[in-house]
Amino acid sequence: MKNMDYNKWANEYLAEAEEIKEYIGRLRNQVKEANAERKKELYSRITILYSMYLELNHTGKYLLERGGESYGEQKAIA
């Protein structure tokens, strides 16, 4: 039961990290067409979101290891 909770949490963290990563991609596309002021805003948002992405990704991988899986094993299962 203990491993199940860690794996569930890990998957939730990793799924959220992927959503943020995709959103960052959409913001980067907006940068291409933005004026200078808007670019500054977008880069600021991207920086904050990327920090969140890294934290979620790191925590998700840590939780997988605590649950007895490695990140590579989890990717192979999916």
N, C-alpha and C. Protein backbone atom coordinates (compact mmCIF):
# COMPACT_ATOMS: atom_id res chain seq x y z
N MET A 1 0.82 -1.19 0.00
CA MET A 1 0.00 0.00 0.00
C MET A 1 0.87 1.26 0.00
N LYS A 2 1.94 1.23 0.73
CA LYS A 2 2.82 2.38 0.83
C LYS A 2 3.39 2.76 -0.54
N ASN A 3 3.87 1.78 -1.30
CA ASN A 3 4.42 2.04 -2.63
C ASN A 3 3.36 2.62 -3.56
N MET A 4 2.16 2.15 -3.43
CA MET A 4 1.09 2.62 -4.29
C MET A 4 0.88 4.12 -4.13
N ASP A 5 0.91 4.62 -2.91
CA ASP A 5 0.72 6.04 -2.67
C ASP A 5 1.85 6.86 -3.30
N TYR A 6 3.08 6.42 -3.11
CA TYR A 6 4.20 7.14 -3.71
C TYR A 6 4.09 7.17 -5.23
N ASN A 7 3.75 6.05 -5.81
CA ASN A 7 3.63 5.99 -7.27
C ASN A 7 2.48 6.86 -7.77
N LYS A 8 1.38 6.87 -7.05
CA LYS A 8 0.25 7.71 -7.43
C LYS A 8 0.64 9.18 -7.36
N TRP A 9 1.26 9.57 -6.27
CA TRP A 9 1.71 10.96 -6.12
C TRP A 9 2.69 11.31 -7.22
N ALA A 10 3.63 10.41 -7.49
CA ALA A 10 4.65 10.65 -8.51
C ALA A 10 3.99 10.90 -9.86
N ASN A 11 3.04 10.07 -10.21
CA ASN A 11 2.36 10.22 -11.49
C ASN A 11 1.60 11.54 -11.58
N GLU A 12 1.01 11.97 -10.47
CA GLU A 12 0.31 13.25 -10.45
C GLU A 12 1.29 14.40 -10.65
N TYR A 13 2.42 14.35 -9.96
CA TYR A 13 3.44 15.39 -10.11
C TYR A 13 3.98 15.42 -11.54
N LEU A 14 4.27 14.25 -12.09
CA LEU A 14 4.83 14.19 -13.44
C LEU A 14 3.82 14.62 -14.50
N ALA A 15 2.55 14.30 -14.29
CA ALA A 15 1.51 14.73 -15.23
C ALA A 15 1.38 16.26 -15.19
N GLU A 16 1.41 16.83 -14.01
CA GLU A 16 1.32 18.28 -13.87
C GLU A 16 2.54 18.96 -14.52
N ALA A 17 3.71 18.35 -14.35
CA ALA A 17 4.93 18.88 -14.98
C ALA A 17 4.78 18.89 -16.49
N GLU A 18 4.21 17.85 -17.06
CA GLU A 18 4.02 17.78 -18.51
C GLU A 18 3.05 18.85 -19.00
N GLU A 19 1.98 19.09 -18.22
CA GLU A 19 1.02 20.13 -18.60
C GLU A 19 1.69 21.49 -18.63
N ILE A 20 2.51 21.76 -17.62
CA ILE A 20 3.21 23.04 -17.57
C ILE A 20 4.20 23.15 -18.73
N LYS A 21 4.88 22.07 -19.03
CA LYS A 21 5.83 22.07 -20.14
C LYS A 21 5.13 22.39 -21.46
N GLU A 22 3.97 21.82 -21.68
CA GLU A 22 3.20 22.09 -22.89
C GLU A 22 2.75 23.55 -22.94
N TYR A 23 2.33 24.07 -21.79
CA TYR A 23 1.89 25.46 -21.72
C TYR A 23 3.06 26.41 -22.00
N ILE A 24 4.23 26.07 -21.49
CA ILE A 24 5.43 26.87 -21.77
C ILE A 24 5.68 26.91 -23.28
N GLY A 25 5.50 25.79 -23.94
CA GLY A 25 5.66 25.73 -25.39
C GLY A 25 4.71 26.69 -26.10
N ARG A 26 3.47 26.74 -25.64
CA ARG A 26 2.50 27.67 -26.24
C ARG A 26 2.91 29.12 -26.00
N LEU A 27 3.42 29.40 -24.80
CA LEU A 27 3.88 30.76 -24.51
C LEU A 27 5.07 31.13 -25.39
N ARG A 28 5.98 30.20 -25.61
CA ARG A 28 7.13 30.46 -26.47
C ARG A 28 6.69 30.77 -27.90
N ASN A 29 5.63 30.14 -28.34
CA ASN A 29 5.10 30.45 -29.67
C ASN A 29 4.56 31.87 -29.72
N GLN A 30 3.95 32.33 -28.62
CA GLN A 30 3.44 33.69 -28.56
C GLN A 30 4.56 34.72 -28.60
N VAL A 31 5.72 34.36 -28.05
CA VAL A 31 6.86 35.27 -28.03
C VAL A 31 7.25 35.67 -29.45
N LYS A 32 7.14 34.75 -30.38
CA LYS A 32 7.56 35.00 -31.76
C LYS A 32 6.83 36.18 -32.40
N GLU A 33 5.59 36.40 -31.98
CA GLU A 33 4.77 37.44 -32.60
C GLU A 33 4.53 38.63 -31.69
N ALA A 34 5.13 38.66 -30.52
CA ALA A 34 4.86 39.70 -29.53
C ALA A 34 5.76 40.92 -29.72
N ASN A 35 5.25 42.07 -29.26
CA ASN A 35 6.09 43.27 -29.25
C ASN A 35 7.05 43.18 -28.05
N ALA A 36 7.94 44.13 -27.94
CA ALA A 36 9.00 44.08 -26.92
C ALA A 36 8.45 44.00 -25.50
N GLU A 37 7.43 44.79 -25.21
CA GLU A 37 6.87 44.78 -23.85
C GLU A 37 6.22 43.45 -23.53
N ARG A 38 5.47 42.94 -24.48
CA ARG A 38 4.79 41.65 -24.30
C ARG A 38 5.82 40.52 -24.17
N LYS A 39 6.90 40.59 -24.94
CA LYS A 39 7.95 39.58 -24.84
C LYS A 39 8.52 39.53 -23.43
N LYS A 40 8.74 40.71 -22.85
CA LYS A 40 9.27 40.78 -21.49
C LYS A 40 8.33 40.09 -20.51
N GLU A 41 7.03 40.34 -20.64
CA GLU A 41 6.02 39.69 -19.79
C GLU A 41 6.05 38.18 -19.98
N LEU A 42 6.07 37.76 -21.23
CA LEU A 42 6.04 36.33 -21.53
C LEU A 42 7.29 35.62 -20.99
N TYR A 43 8.46 36.22 -21.19
CA TYR A 43 9.69 35.61 -20.67
C TYR A 43 9.66 35.51 -19.15
N SER A 44 9.08 36.50 -18.51
CA SER A 44 8.96 36.45 -17.04
C SER A 44 8.06 35.28 -16.63
N ARG A 45 6.93 35.13 -17.29
CA ARG A 45 6.02 34.02 -16.99
C ARG A 45 6.68 32.68 -17.28
N ILE A 46 7.38 32.60 -18.41
CA ILE A 46 8.05 31.35 -18.79
C ILE A 46 9.07 30.97 -17.74
N THR A 47 9.82 31.94 -17.23
CA THR A 47 10.84 31.67 -16.22
C THR A 47 10.22 31.09 -14.95
N ILE A 48 9.13 31.69 -14.50
CA ILE A 48 8.44 31.20 -13.30
C ILE A 48 7.89 29.79 -13.54
N LEU A 49 7.23 29.61 -14.67
CA LEU A 49 6.63 28.31 -14.97
C LEU A 49 7.69 27.23 -15.15
N TYR A 50 8.83 27.59 -15.75
CA TYR A 50 9.88 26.61 -15.93
C TYR A 50 10.44 26.16 -14.58
N SER A 51 10.55 27.09 -13.66
CA SER A 51 10.98 26.74 -12.31
C SER A 51 9.99 25.76 -11.67
N MET A 52 8.71 26.02 -11.85
CA MET A 52 7.68 25.11 -11.33
C MET A 52 7.79 23.75 -11.99
N TYR A 53 8.00 23.74 -13.31
CA TYR A 53 8.15 22.49 -14.04
C TYR A 53 9.30 21.66 -13.48
N LEU A 54 10.45 22.30 -13.28
CA LEU A 54 11.61 21.58 -12.77
C LEU A 54 11.33 20.99 -11.39
N GLU A 55 10.68 21.77 -10.54
CA GLU A 55 10.37 21.29 -9.18
C GLU A 55 9.41 20.11 -9.22
N LEU A 56 8.36 20.20 -10.03
CA LEU A 56 7.40 19.10 -10.14
C LEU A 56 8.06 17.85 -10.72
N ASN A 57 8.88 18.03 -11.72
CA ASN A 57 9.56 16.91 -12.36
C ASN A 57 10.51 16.22 -11.38
N HIS A 58 11.29 17.02 -10.69
CA HIS A 58 12.24 16.47 -9.72
C HIS A 58 11.50 15.73 -8.60
N THR A 59 10.45 16.34 -8.08
CA THR A 59 9.69 15.72 -6.99
C THR A 59 9.02 14.43 -7.46
N GLY A 60 8.46 14.45 -8.67
CA GLY A 60 7.83 13.24 -9.22
C GLY A 60 8.82 12.10 -9.35
N LYS A 61 10.01 12.38 -9.84
CA LYS A 61 11.03 11.34 -9.97
C LYS A 61 11.48 10.84 -8.60
N TYR A 62 11.60 11.76 -7.65
CA TYR A 62 11.97 11.36 -6.28
C TYR A 62 10.90 10.44 -5.69
N LEU A 63 9.65 10.79 -5.87
CA LEU A 63 8.56 9.96 -5.34
C LEU A 63 8.54 8.58 -5.99
N LEU A 64 8.84 8.52 -7.28
CA LEU A 64 8.92 7.21 -7.94
C LEU A 64 10.00 6.35 -7.29
N GLU A 65 11.14 6.95 -7.03
CA GLU A 65 12.22 6.20 -6.40
C GLU A 65 11.82 5.74 -5.01
N ARG A 66 11.13 6.60 -4.26
CA ARG A 66 10.66 6.22 -2.93
C ARG A 66 9.66 5.08 -3.01
N GLY A 67 8.91 5.04 -4.11
CA GLY A 67 7.93 3.99 -4.30
C GLY A 67 8.52 2.71 -4.87
N GLY A 68 9.81 2.73 -5.16
CA GLY A 68 10.46 1.52 -5.63
C GLY A 68 10.64 1.42 -7.12
N GLU A 69 10.32 2.46 -7.88
CA GLU A 69 10.49 2.45 -9.33
C GLU A 69 11.52 3.51 -9.68
N SER A 70 12.15 3.31 -10.80
CA SER A 70 12.98 4.38 -11.36
C SER A 70 12.16 5.08 -12.43
N TYR A 71 12.58 6.28 -12.80
CA TYR A 71 11.85 7.03 -13.81
C TYR A 71 11.83 6.27 -15.14
N GLY A 72 12.93 5.62 -15.49
CA GLY A 72 13.00 4.84 -16.73
C GLY A 72 12.02 3.68 -16.74
N GLU A 73 11.87 3.01 -15.61
CA GLU A 73 10.91 1.90 -15.52
C GLU A 73 9.49 2.43 -15.69
N GLN A 74 9.20 3.57 -15.10
CA GLN A 74 7.86 4.14 -15.18
C GLN A 74 7.55 4.52 -16.62
N LYS A 75 8.50 5.11 -17.35
CA LYS A 75 8.29 5.49 -18.74
C LYS A 75 8.07 4.24 -19.62
N ALA A 76 8.77 3.15 -19.32
CA ALA A 76 8.64 1.93 -20.10
C ALA A 76 7.27 1.30 -19.93
N ILE A 77 6.69 1.45 -18.75
CA ILE A 77 5.36 0.89 -18.48
C ILE A 77 4.29 1.65 -19.24
N ALA A 78 4.44 2.97 -19.31
CA ALA A 78 3.44 3.84 -19.96
C ALA A 78 3.43 3.70 -21.43
